[in-house]
């Protein structure tokens, strides 16, 4: 497994995502519930241990009580993955999410992409720099996420972050509400992906590419070959898996990334 340096952290180029663990399928409510029922704490910990065996050293997951509880059990049982936390708008303020990340044992924290899109659309970005400073003062690697590439252009000029989380797609607009709503129609346009990778080339800090599979709408071969072409030397990719569909999904995705990076 190759590694990159993001802030003070050594991070595997393949980062384990966690949307399926929390029931965010980005497909439909029935699929959301299927994921929630399948991913018991025991099954999540199995995937975390499998990730370690494959050379992955980092998970990106929400700073909510469910994820914190699972990770604490996993670490108490000897698990070694480091956690980069995502703030959660349904829990309250950005600061609340940051405090959860700090108290829960995260090594890094970033502001939720829907929140950043929402604040940008409504010209309410004045609270973002102090939030980044709060993350850094706690000793965590700090970043922001975004679906809208224009948010990243703004951040380049106005923020001192360690990394960016860059969504390949804008499935829904977040100008009215920062939260994801299960059941809404989501659109995954290839034009969005092209716009995002063009902006990533201009960024001065490492980028973590995410939503690269378009929530299962892209084949692993197509999606991961595209990622490999557009990962800069300092970048990584975050991919979640739903092993009910395919037990060896994580192993296959890691192998594909290594294959295409090597070629």
C-alpha atoms as a PDB file:
ATOM      1  CA  UNK A   1       0.000   0.000   0.000  1.00  0.00           C
ATOM      2  CA  UNK A   2       1.271   3.469  -0.891  1.00  0.00           C
ATOM      3  CA  UNK A   3       1.034   6.289   1.638  1.00  0.00           C
ATOM      4  CA  UNK A   4       0.804  10.078   1.519  1.00  0.00           C
ATOM      5  CA  UNK A   5       1.447  12.792   4.098  1.00  0.00           C
ATOM      6  CA  UNK A   6      -1.572  14.927   4.995  1.00  0.00           C
ATOM      7  CA  UNK A   7      -0.845  17.437   7.711  1.00  0.00           C
ATOM      8  CA  UNK A   8       1.041  15.489  10.347  1.00  0.00           C
ATOM      9  CA  UNK A   9      -0.557  12.174   9.356  1.00  0.00           C
ATOM     10  CA  UNK A  10       0.758   9.300   7.278  1.00  0.00           C
ATOM     11  CA  UNK A  11      -2.301   8.094   5.355  1.00  0.00           C
ATOM     12  CA  UNK A  12      -2.856   5.133   3.047  1.00  0.00           C
ATOM     13  CA  UNK A  13      -3.780   6.200  -0.480  1.00  0.00           C
ATOM     14  CA  UNK A  14      -6.860   3.998  -0.158  1.00  0.00           C
ATOM     15  CA  UNK A  15      -8.943   5.271   2.759  1.00  0.00           C
ATOM     16  CA  UNK A  16     -11.910   3.280   4.025  1.00  0.00           C
ATOM     17  CA  UNK A  17     -15.190   5.201   3.751  1.00  0.00           C
ATOM     18  CA  UNK A  18     -18.150   4.624   6.022  1.00  0.00           C
ATOM     19  CA  UNK A  19     -21.375   5.866   4.431  1.00  0.00           C
ATOM     20  CA  UNK A  20     -22.738   2.295   4.186  1.00  0.00           C
ATOM     21  CA  UNK A  21     -22.046   1.776   7.920  1.00  0.00           C
ATOM     22  CA  UNK A  22     -24.397   4.659   8.680  1.00  0.00           C
ATOM     23  CA  UNK A  23     -27.050   3.763   6.111  1.00  0.00           C
ATOM     24  CA  UNK A  24     -26.265   6.454   3.543  1.00  0.00           C
ATOM     25  CA  UNK A  25     -26.752   4.557   0.298  1.00  0.00           C
ATOM     26  CA  UNK A  26     -27.496   7.615  -1.865  1.00  0.00           C
ATOM     27  CA  UNK A  27     -29.874   5.302  -3.699  1.00  0.00           C
ATOM     28  CA  UNK A  28     -33.239   4.987  -1.928  1.00  0.00           C
ATOM     29  CA  UNK A  29     -34.712   4.612   1.601  1.00  0.00           C
ATOM     30  CA  UNK A  30     -35.046   0.832   1.323  1.00  0.00           C
ATOM     31  CA  UNK A  31     -31.377   0.534   0.471  1.00  0.00           C
ATOM     32  CA  UNK A  32     -30.521   2.837   3.388  1.00  0.00           C
ATOM     33  CA  UNK A  33     -32.370   0.532   5.771  1.00  0.00           C
ATOM     34  CA  UNK A  34     -30.764  -2.561   4.247  1.00  0.00           C
ATOM     35  CA  UNK A  35     -27.354  -1.119   5.009  1.00  0.00           C
ATOM     36  CA  UNK A  36     -28.306  -0.168   8.556  1.00  0.00           C
ATOM     37  CA  UNK A  37     -29.639  -3.646   9.297  1.00  0.00           C
ATOM     38  CA  UNK A  38     -26.668  -5.413   7.747  1.00  0.00           C
ATOM     39  CA  UNK A  39     -23.932  -3.351   9.347  1.00  0.00           C
ATOM     40  CA  UNK A  40     -24.064  -4.406  12.964  1.00  0.00           C
ATOM     41  CA  UNK A  41     -21.198  -3.314  15.198  1.00  0.00           C
ATOM     42  CA  UNK A  42     -19.643  -6.755  14.770  1.00  0.00           C
ATOM     43  CA  UNK A  43     -19.750  -6.571  10.973  1.00  0.00           C
ATOM     44  CA  UNK A  44     -18.314  -3.067  10.920  1.00  0.00           C
ATOM     45  CA  UNK A  45     -15.411  -4.200  13.078  1.00  0.00           C
ATOM     46  CA  UNK A  46     -14.810  -7.128  10.719  1.00  0.00           C
ATOM     47  CA  UNK A  47     -14.411  -4.693   7.822  1.00  0.00           C
ATOM     48  CA  UNK A  48     -12.080  -2.488   9.863  1.00  0.00           C
ATOM     49  CA  UNK A  49      -9.874  -5.467  10.635  1.00  0.00           C
ATOM     50  CA  UNK A  50      -9.924  -6.560   7.000  1.00  0.00           C
ATOM     51  CA  UNK A  51      -8.892  -3.058   5.958  1.00  0.00           C
ATOM     52  CA  UNK A  52      -5.881  -3.249   8.260  1.00  0.00           C
ATOM     53  CA  UNK A  53      -4.805  -6.561   6.738  1.00  0.00           C
ATOM     54  CA  UNK A  54      -4.949  -4.975   3.280  1.00  0.00           C
ATOM     55  CA  UNK A  55      -2.593  -2.186   4.344  1.00  0.00           C
ATOM     56  CA  UNK A  56      -5.200   0.536   4.902  1.00  0.00           C
ATOM     57  CA  UNK A  57      -4.446   2.655   7.951  1.00  0.00           C
ATOM     58  CA  UNK A  58      -7.232   5.286   7.910  1.00  0.00           C
ATOM     59  CA  UNK A  59     -11.024   5.423   8.076  1.00  0.00           C
ATOM     60  CA  UNK A  60     -13.152   8.489   7.367  1.00  0.00           C
ATOM     61  CA  UNK A  61     -16.377   8.411   9.375  1.00  0.00           C
ATOM     62  CA  UNK A  62     -18.979  10.648  10.964  1.00  0.00           C
ATOM     63  CA  UNK A  63     -18.394  12.213  14.384  1.00  0.00           C
ATOM     64  CA  UNK A  64     -21.635  10.808  15.767  1.00  0.00           C
ATOM     65  CA  UNK A  65     -22.272   8.628  18.808  1.00  0.00           C
ATOM     66  CA  UNK A  66     -22.801   5.447  16.778  1.00  0.00           C
ATOM     67  CA  UNK A  67     -19.432   5.649  15.017  1.00  0.00           C
ATOM     68  CA  UNK A  68     -17.598   6.720  18.177  1.00  0.00           C
ATOM     69  CA  UNK A  69     -19.002   3.731  20.065  1.00  0.00           C
ATOM     70  CA  UNK A  70     -17.984   1.264  17.328  1.00  0.00           C
ATOM     71  CA  UNK A  71     -14.488   2.722  17.036  1.00  0.00           C
ATOM     72  CA  UNK A  72     -13.932   2.659  20.782  1.00  0.00           C
ATOM     73  CA  UNK A  73     -14.836  -1.045  20.861  1.00  0.00           C
ATOM     74  CA  UNK A  74     -12.561  -1.679  17.881  1.00  0.00           C
ATOM     75  CA  UNK A  75      -9.617   0.182  19.420  1.00  0.00           C
ATOM     76  CA  UNK A  76     -10.160  -1.501  22.816  1.00  0.00           C
ATOM     77  CA  UNK A  77      -9.926  -4.836  20.990  1.00  0.00           C
ATOM     78  CA  UNK A  78      -6.564  -3.877  19.499  1.00  0.00           C
ATOM     79  CA  UNK A  79      -7.622  -2.151  16.269  1.00  0.00           C
ATOM     80  CA  UNK A  80      -5.163   0.262  14.723  1.00  0.00           C
ATOM     81  CA  UNK A  81      -6.922   2.328  12.065  1.00  0.00           C
ATOM     82  CA  UNK A  82      -6.714   6.081  12.595  1.00  0.00           C
ATOM     83  CA  UNK A  83      -9.908   8.105  12.276  1.00  0.00           C
ATOM     84  CA  UNK A  84     -10.545  11.272  10.296  1.00  0.00           C
ATOM     85  CA  UNK A  85     -13.882  12.624  11.502  1.00  0.00           C
ATOM     86  CA  UNK A  86     -16.632  14.346   9.542  1.00  0.00           C
ATOM     87  CA  UNK A  87     -18.796  16.880  11.356  1.00  0.00           C
ATOM     88  CA  UNK A  88     -22.519  16.027  11.360  1.00  0.00           C
ATOM     89  CA  UNK A  89     -25.080  18.815  10.742  1.00  0.00           C
ATOM     90  CA  UNK A  90     -27.956  16.891  12.334  1.00  0.00           C
ATOM     91  CA  UNK A  91     -26.142  16.994  15.694  1.00  0.00           C
ATOM     92  CA  UNK A  92     -26.010  20.794  15.762  1.00  0.00           C
ATOM     93  CA  UNK A  93     -23.251  23.296  15.135  1.00  0.00           C
ATOM     94  CA  UNK A  94     -19.919  22.727  13.441  1.00  0.00           C
ATOM     95  CA  UNK A  95     -18.315  23.181  16.853  1.00  0.00           C
ATOM     96  CA  UNK A  96     -20.377  20.315  18.276  1.00  0.00           C
ATOM     97  CA  UNK A  97     -19.028  17.986  15.600  1.00  0.00           C
ATOM     98  CA  UNK A  98     -15.483  19.136  16.223  1.00  0.00           C
ATOM     99  CA  UNK A  99     -15.820  18.497  19.961  1.00  0.00           C
ATOM    100  CA  UNK A 100     -17.143  14.995  19.239  1.00  0.00           C
ATOM    101  CA  UNK A 101     -14.134  14.345  17.021  1.00  0.00           C
ATOM    102  CA  UNK A 102     -11.706  15.563  19.668  1.00  0.00           C
ATOM    103  CA  UNK A 103     -13.269  13.665  22.563  1.00  0.00           C
ATOM    104  CA  UNK A 104     -13.832  10.554  20.439  1.00  0.00           C
ATOM    105  CA  UNK A 105     -10.183  10.088  19.552  1.00  0.00           C
ATOM    106  CA  UNK A 106     -10.009  11.363  15.969  1.00  0.00           C
ATOM    107  CA  UNK A 107      -6.655  12.210  14.408  1.00  0.00           C
ATOM    108  CA  UNK A 108      -8.198  14.602  11.896  1.00  0.00           C
ATOM    109  CA  UNK A 109     -11.470  16.436  11.325  1.00  0.00           C
ATOM    110  CA  UNK A 110     -13.152  18.205   8.431  1.00  0.00           C
ATOM    111  CA  UNK A 111     -16.295  20.255   7.959  1.00  0.00           C
ATOM    112  CA  UNK A 112     -19.126  18.355   6.277  1.00  0.00           C
ATOM    113  CA  UNK A 113     -19.430  18.942   2.531  1.00  0.00           C
ATOM    114  CA  UNK A 114     -23.141  19.707   2.640  1.00  0.00           C
ATOM    115  CA  UNK A 115     -22.497  22.317   5.311  1.00  0.00           C
ATOM    116  CA  UNK A 116     -19.746  23.955   3.271  1.00  0.00           C
ATOM    117  CA  UNK A 117     -21.957  24.005   0.158  1.00  0.00           C
ATOM    118  CA  UNK A 118     -24.802  25.498   2.197  1.00  0.00           C
ATOM    119  CA  UNK A 119     -22.676  28.198   3.816  1.00  0.00           C
ATOM    120  CA  UNK A 120     -21.119  29.119   0.472  1.00  0.00           C
ATOM    121  CA  UNK A 121     -24.520  29.359  -1.263  1.00  0.00           C
ATOM    122  CA  UNK A 122     -25.847  31.602   1.502  1.00  0.00           C
ATOM    123  CA  UNK A 123     -22.766  33.794   1.964  1.00  0.00           C
ATOM    124  CA  UNK A 124     -22.304  32.625   5.562  1.00  0.00           C
ATOM    125  CA  UNK A 125     -18.685  31.501   5.580  1.00  0.00           C
ATOM    126  CA  UNK A 126     -17.418  33.743   8.376  1.00  0.00           C
ATOM    127  CA  UNK A 127     -17.586  30.908  10.955  1.00  0.00           C
ATOM    128  CA  UNK A 128     -15.408  28.532   8.926  1.00  0.00           C
ATOM    129  CA  UNK A 129     -11.903  29.960   9.625  1.00  0.00           C
ATOM    130  CA  UNK A 130     -12.410  29.882  13.439  1.00  0.00           C
ATOM    131  CA  UNK A 131     -13.647  26.283  13.162  1.00  0.00           C
ATOM    132  CA  UNK A 132     -10.527  25.240  11.263  1.00  0.00           C
ATOM    133  CA  UNK A 133      -8.416  26.974  13.894  1.00  0.00           C
ATOM    134  CA  UNK A 134     -10.251  25.070  16.644  1.00  0.00           C
ATOM    135  CA  UNK A 135      -9.437  21.749  14.958  1.00  0.00           C
ATOM    136  CA  UNK A 136      -5.779  22.677  14.605  1.00  0.00           C
ATOM    137  CA  UNK A 137      -5.438  23.946  18.169  1.00  0.00           C
ATOM    138  CA  UNK A 138      -6.639  20.539  19.359  1.00  0.00           C
ATOM    139  CA  UNK A 139      -3.745  18.944  17.443  1.00  0.00           C
ATOM    140  CA  UNK A 140      -5.894  17.405  14.704  1.00  0.00           C
ATOM    141  CA  UNK A 141      -5.274  17.564  10.981  1.00  0.00           C
ATOM    142  CA  UNK A 142      -7.903  19.968   9.586  1.00  0.00           C
ATOM    143  CA  UNK A 143      -9.864  20.150   6.355  1.00  0.00           C
ATOM    144  CA  UNK A 144     -13.107  20.871   4.590  1.00  0.00           C
ATOM    145  CA  UNK A 145     -15.266  18.880   2.185  1.00  0.00           C
ATOM    146  CA  UNK A 146     -17.256  20.146  -0.776  1.00  0.00           C
ATOM    147  CA  UNK A 147     -19.421  18.934  -3.618  1.00  0.00           C
ATOM    148  CA  UNK A 148     -19.363  22.301  -5.370  1.00  0.00           C
ATOM    149  CA  UNK A 149     -15.889  22.994  -6.833  1.00  0.00           C
ATOM    150  CA  UNK A 150     -16.378  26.741  -6.301  1.00  0.00           C
ATOM    151  CA  UNK A 151     -16.255  26.139  -2.542  1.00  0.00           C
ATOM    152  CA  UNK A 152     -12.735  24.789  -2.985  1.00  0.00           C
ATOM    153  CA  UNK A 153     -11.693  27.829  -5.012  1.00  0.00           C
ATOM    154  CA  UNK A 154     -12.922  30.011  -2.134  1.00  0.00           C
ATOM    155  CA  UNK A 155     -11.116  27.867   0.417  1.00  0.00           C
ATOM    156  CA  UNK A 156      -7.816  28.146  -1.441  1.00  0.00           C
ATOM    157  CA  UNK A 157      -7.947  31.904  -0.993  1.00  0.00           C
ATOM    158  CA  UNK A 158      -9.421  32.092   2.512  1.00  0.00           C
ATOM    159  CA  UNK A 159      -8.533  29.060   4.620  1.00  0.00           C
ATOM    160  CA  UNK A 160      -5.411  27.487   6.108  1.00  0.00           C
ATOM    161  CA  UNK A 161      -6.332  23.803   5.893  1.00  0.00           C
ATOM    162  CA  UNK A 162      -4.272  20.620   5.664  1.00  0.00           C
ATOM    163  CA  UNK A 163      -6.470  18.870   3.100  1.00  0.00           C
ATOM    164  CA  UNK A 164      -9.616  18.992   1.005  1.00  0.00           C
ATOM    165  CA  UNK A 165     -12.341  16.362   0.640  1.00  0.00           C
ATOM    166  CA  UNK A 166     -13.404  16.592  -3.018  1.00  0.00           C
ATOM    167  CA  UNK A 167     -16.669  14.984  -4.129  1.00  0.00           C
ATOM    168  CA  UNK A 168     -16.740  13.871  -7.751  1.00  0.00           C
ATOM    169  CA  UNK A 169     -20.446  14.656  -7.960  1.00  0.00           C
ATOM    170  CA  UNK A 170     -23.119  17.137  -6.849  1.00  0.00           C
ATOM    171  CA  UNK A 171     -26.004  14.687  -6.321  1.00  0.00           C
ATOM    172  CA  UNK A 172     -28.312  17.352  -4.849  1.00  0.00           C
ATOM    173  CA  UNK A 173     -28.005  21.069  -4.233  1.00  0.00           C
ATOM    174  CA  UNK A 174     -27.459  22.039  -0.593  1.00  0.00           C
ATOM    175  CA  UNK A 175     -28.394  25.707  -0.868  1.00  0.00           C
ATOM    176  CA  UNK A 176     -31.593  25.250   1.204  1.00  0.00           C
ATOM    177  CA  UNK A 177     -30.489  22.533   3.637  1.00  0.00           C
ATOM    178  CA  UNK A 178     -27.006  21.196   4.441  1.00  0.00           C
ATOM    179  CA  UNK A 179     -28.232  17.715   5.359  1.00  0.00           C
ATOM    180  CA  UNK A 180     -28.681  14.773   3.032  1.00  0.00           C
ATOM    181  CA  UNK A 181     -32.349  13.734   2.779  1.00  0.00           C
ATOM    182  CA  UNK A 182     -33.058  10.061   2.161  1.00  0.00           C
ATOM    183  CA  UNK A 183     -35.383   9.493  -0.772  1.00  0.00           C
ATOM    184  CA  UNK A 184     -34.694  12.668  -2.732  1.00  0.00           C
ATOM    185  CA  UNK A 185     -33.752  12.296  -6.382  1.00  0.00           C
ATOM    186  CA  UNK A 186     -29.975  12.321  -6.773  1.00  0.00           C
ATOM    187  CA  UNK A 187     -28.182  12.996 -10.038  1.00  0.00           C
ATOM    188  CA  UNK A 188     -24.627  11.909 -10.814  1.00  0.00           C
ATOM    189  CA  UNK A 189     -23.368  13.735 -13.911  1.00  0.00           C
ATOM    190  CA  UNK A 190     -19.996  12.960 -15.455  1.00  0.00           C
ATOM    191  CA  UNK A 191     -19.626  16.675 -16.133  1.00  0.00           C
ATOM    192  CA  UNK A 192     -19.471  17.243 -12.368  1.00  0.00           C
ATOM    193  CA  UNK A 193     -16.652  14.746 -12.091  1.00  0.00           C
ATOM    194  CA  UNK A 194     -14.692  16.431 -14.858  1.00  0.00           C
ATOM    195  CA  UNK A 195     -15.146  19.851 -13.238  1.00  0.00           C
ATOM    196  CA  UNK A 196     -13.952  18.574  -9.879  1.00  0.00           C
ATOM    197  CA  UNK A 197     -10.787  16.893 -11.115  1.00  0.00           C
ATOM    198  CA  UNK A 198      -9.941  20.061 -13.065  1.00  0.00           C
ATOM    199  CA  UNK A 199     -10.195  22.098  -9.852  1.00  0.00           C
ATOM    200  CA  UNK A 200      -8.217  19.508  -7.863  1.00  0.00           C
ATOM    201  CA  UNK A 201      -5.260  20.152 -10.172  1.00  0.00           C
ATOM    202  CA  UNK A 202      -5.177  23.769  -8.948  1.00  0.00           C
ATOM    203  CA  UNK A 203      -5.290  23.051  -5.209  1.00  0.00           C
ATOM    204  CA  UNK A 204      -2.273  23.751  -3.049  1.00  0.00           C
ATOM    205  CA  UNK A 205      -3.016  21.061  -0.455  1.00  0.00           C
ATOM    206  CA  UNK A 206      -3.679  17.305  -0.705  1.00  0.00           C
ATOM    207  CA  UNK A 207      -7.102  16.221  -1.933  1.00  0.00           C
ATOM    208  CA  UNK A 208      -9.049  13.171  -0.818  1.00  0.00           C
ATOM    209  CA  UNK A 209     -11.238  12.120  -3.744  1.00  0.00           C
ATOM    210  CA  UNK A 210     -14.650  10.772  -2.686  1.00  0.00           C
ATOM    211  CA  UNK A 211     -18.018   9.683  -4.084  1.00  0.00           C
ATOM    212  CA  UNK A 212     -15.927   8.235  -6.880  1.00  0.00           C
ATOM    213  CA  UNK A 213     -18.271   5.254  -7.371  1.00  0.00           C
ATOM    214  CA  UNK A 214     -21.316   7.526  -7.747  1.00  0.00           C
ATOM    215  CA  UNK A 215     -22.942   5.459  -4.964  1.00  0.00           C
ATOM    216  CA  UNK A 216     -22.719   2.229  -6.935  1.00  0.00           C
ATOM    217  CA  UNK A 217     -23.690   3.695 -10.299  1.00  0.00           C
ATOM    218  CA  UNK A 218     -20.159   3.391 -11.717  1.00  0.00           C
ATOM    219  CA  UNK A 219     -18.432   0.047 -12.106  1.00  0.00           C
ATOM    220  CA  UNK A 220     -15.349  -0.410  -9.923  1.00  0.00           C
ATOM    221  CA  UNK A 221     -13.137  -0.831 -13.011  1.00  0.00           C
ATOM    222  CA  UNK A 222     -14.305   2.420 -14.600  1.00  0.00           C
ATOM    223  CA  UNK A 223     -14.381   4.438 -11.396  1.00  0.00           C
ATOM    224  CA  UNK A 224     -11.040   3.355  -9.974  1.00  0.00           C
ATOM    225  CA  UNK A 225      -9.194   3.597 -13.300  1.00  0.00           C
ATOM    226  CA  UNK A 226     -10.475   7.191 -13.560  1.00  0.00           C
ATOM    227  CA  UNK A 227      -9.354   7.945 -10.003  1.00  0.00           C
ATOM    228  CA  UNK A 228      -5.892   6.532 -10.636  1.00  0.00           C
ATOM    229  CA  UNK A 229      -5.457   8.830 -13.648  1.00  0.00           C
ATOM    230  CA  UNK A 230      -6.328  11.907 -11.592  1.00  0.00           C
ATOM    231  CA  UNK A 231      -4.697  11.245  -8.210  1.00  0.00           C
ATOM    232  CA  UNK A 232      -1.790  13.613  -7.746  1.00  0.00           C
ATOM    233  CA  UNK A 233       1.220  12.235  -5.812  1.00  0.00           C
ATOM    234  CA  UNK A 234      -0.070  13.902  -2.631  1.00  0.00           C
ATOM    235  CA  UNK A 235      -3.707  12.732  -2.993  1.00  0.00           C
ATOM    236  CA  UNK A 236      -5.719   9.796  -1.649  1.00  0.00           C
ATOM    237  CA  UNK A 237      -9.137   8.270  -2.368  1.00  0.00           C
ATOM    238  CA  UNK A 238     -11.941   7.368   0.059  1.00  0.00           C
ATOM    239  CA  UNK A 239     -14.194   4.417  -0.843  1.00  0.00           C
ATOM    240  CA  UNK A 240     -16.901   2.718   1.205  1.00  0.00           C
ATOM    241  CA  UNK A 241     -18.073  -0.853   0.674  1.00  0.00           C
ATOM    242  CA  UNK A 242     -21.280  -2.841   1.138  1.00  0.00           C
ATOM    243  CA  UNK A 243     -20.074  -6.388   1.625  1.00  0.00           C
ATOM    244  CA  UNK A 244     -23.567  -7.875   1.707  1.00  0.00           C
ATOM    245  CA  UNK A 245     -23.510  -7.452  -2.069  1.00  0.00           C
ATOM    246  CA  UNK A 246     -19.991  -8.797  -2.520  1.00  0.00           C
ATOM    247  CA  UNK A 247     -18.006 -10.208   0.439  1.00  0.00           C
ATOM    248  CA  UNK A 248     -14.632  -9.475  -1.183  1.00  0.00           C
ATOM    249  CA  UNK A 249     -15.522  -5.965  -2.370  1.00  0.00           C
ATOM    250  CA  UNK A 250     -12.881  -4.198  -0.290  1.00  0.00           C
ATOM    251  CA  UNK A 251     -10.114  -6.554  -1.350  1.00  0.00           C
ATOM    252  CA  UNK A 252     -11.081  -6.161  -5.011  1.00  0.00           C
ATOM    253  CA  UNK A 253     -11.239  -2.350  -4.835  1.00  0.00           C
ATOM    254  CA  UNK A 254      -7.806  -2.127  -3.200  1.00  0.00           C
ATOM    255  CA  UNK A 255      -6.358  -4.457  -5.835  1.00  0.00           C
ATOM    256  CA  UNK A 256      -7.849  -2.350  -8.625  1.00  0.00           C
ATOM    257  CA  UNK A 257      -6.369   0.864  -7.226  1.00  0.00           C
ATOM    258  CA  UNK A 258      -2.938  -0.697  -6.885  1.00  0.00           C
ATOM    259  CA  UNK A 259      -3.192  -2.134 -10.415  1.00  0.00           C
ATOM    260  CA  UNK A 260      -4.124   1.159 -12.053  1.00  0.00           C
ATOM    261  CA  UNK A 261      -1.670   3.242 -10.051  1.00  0.00           C
ATOM    262  CA  UNK A 262       1.098   0.864 -11.091  1.00  0.00           C
ATOM    263  CA  UNK A 263       0.138   1.127 -14.768  1.00  0.00           C
END
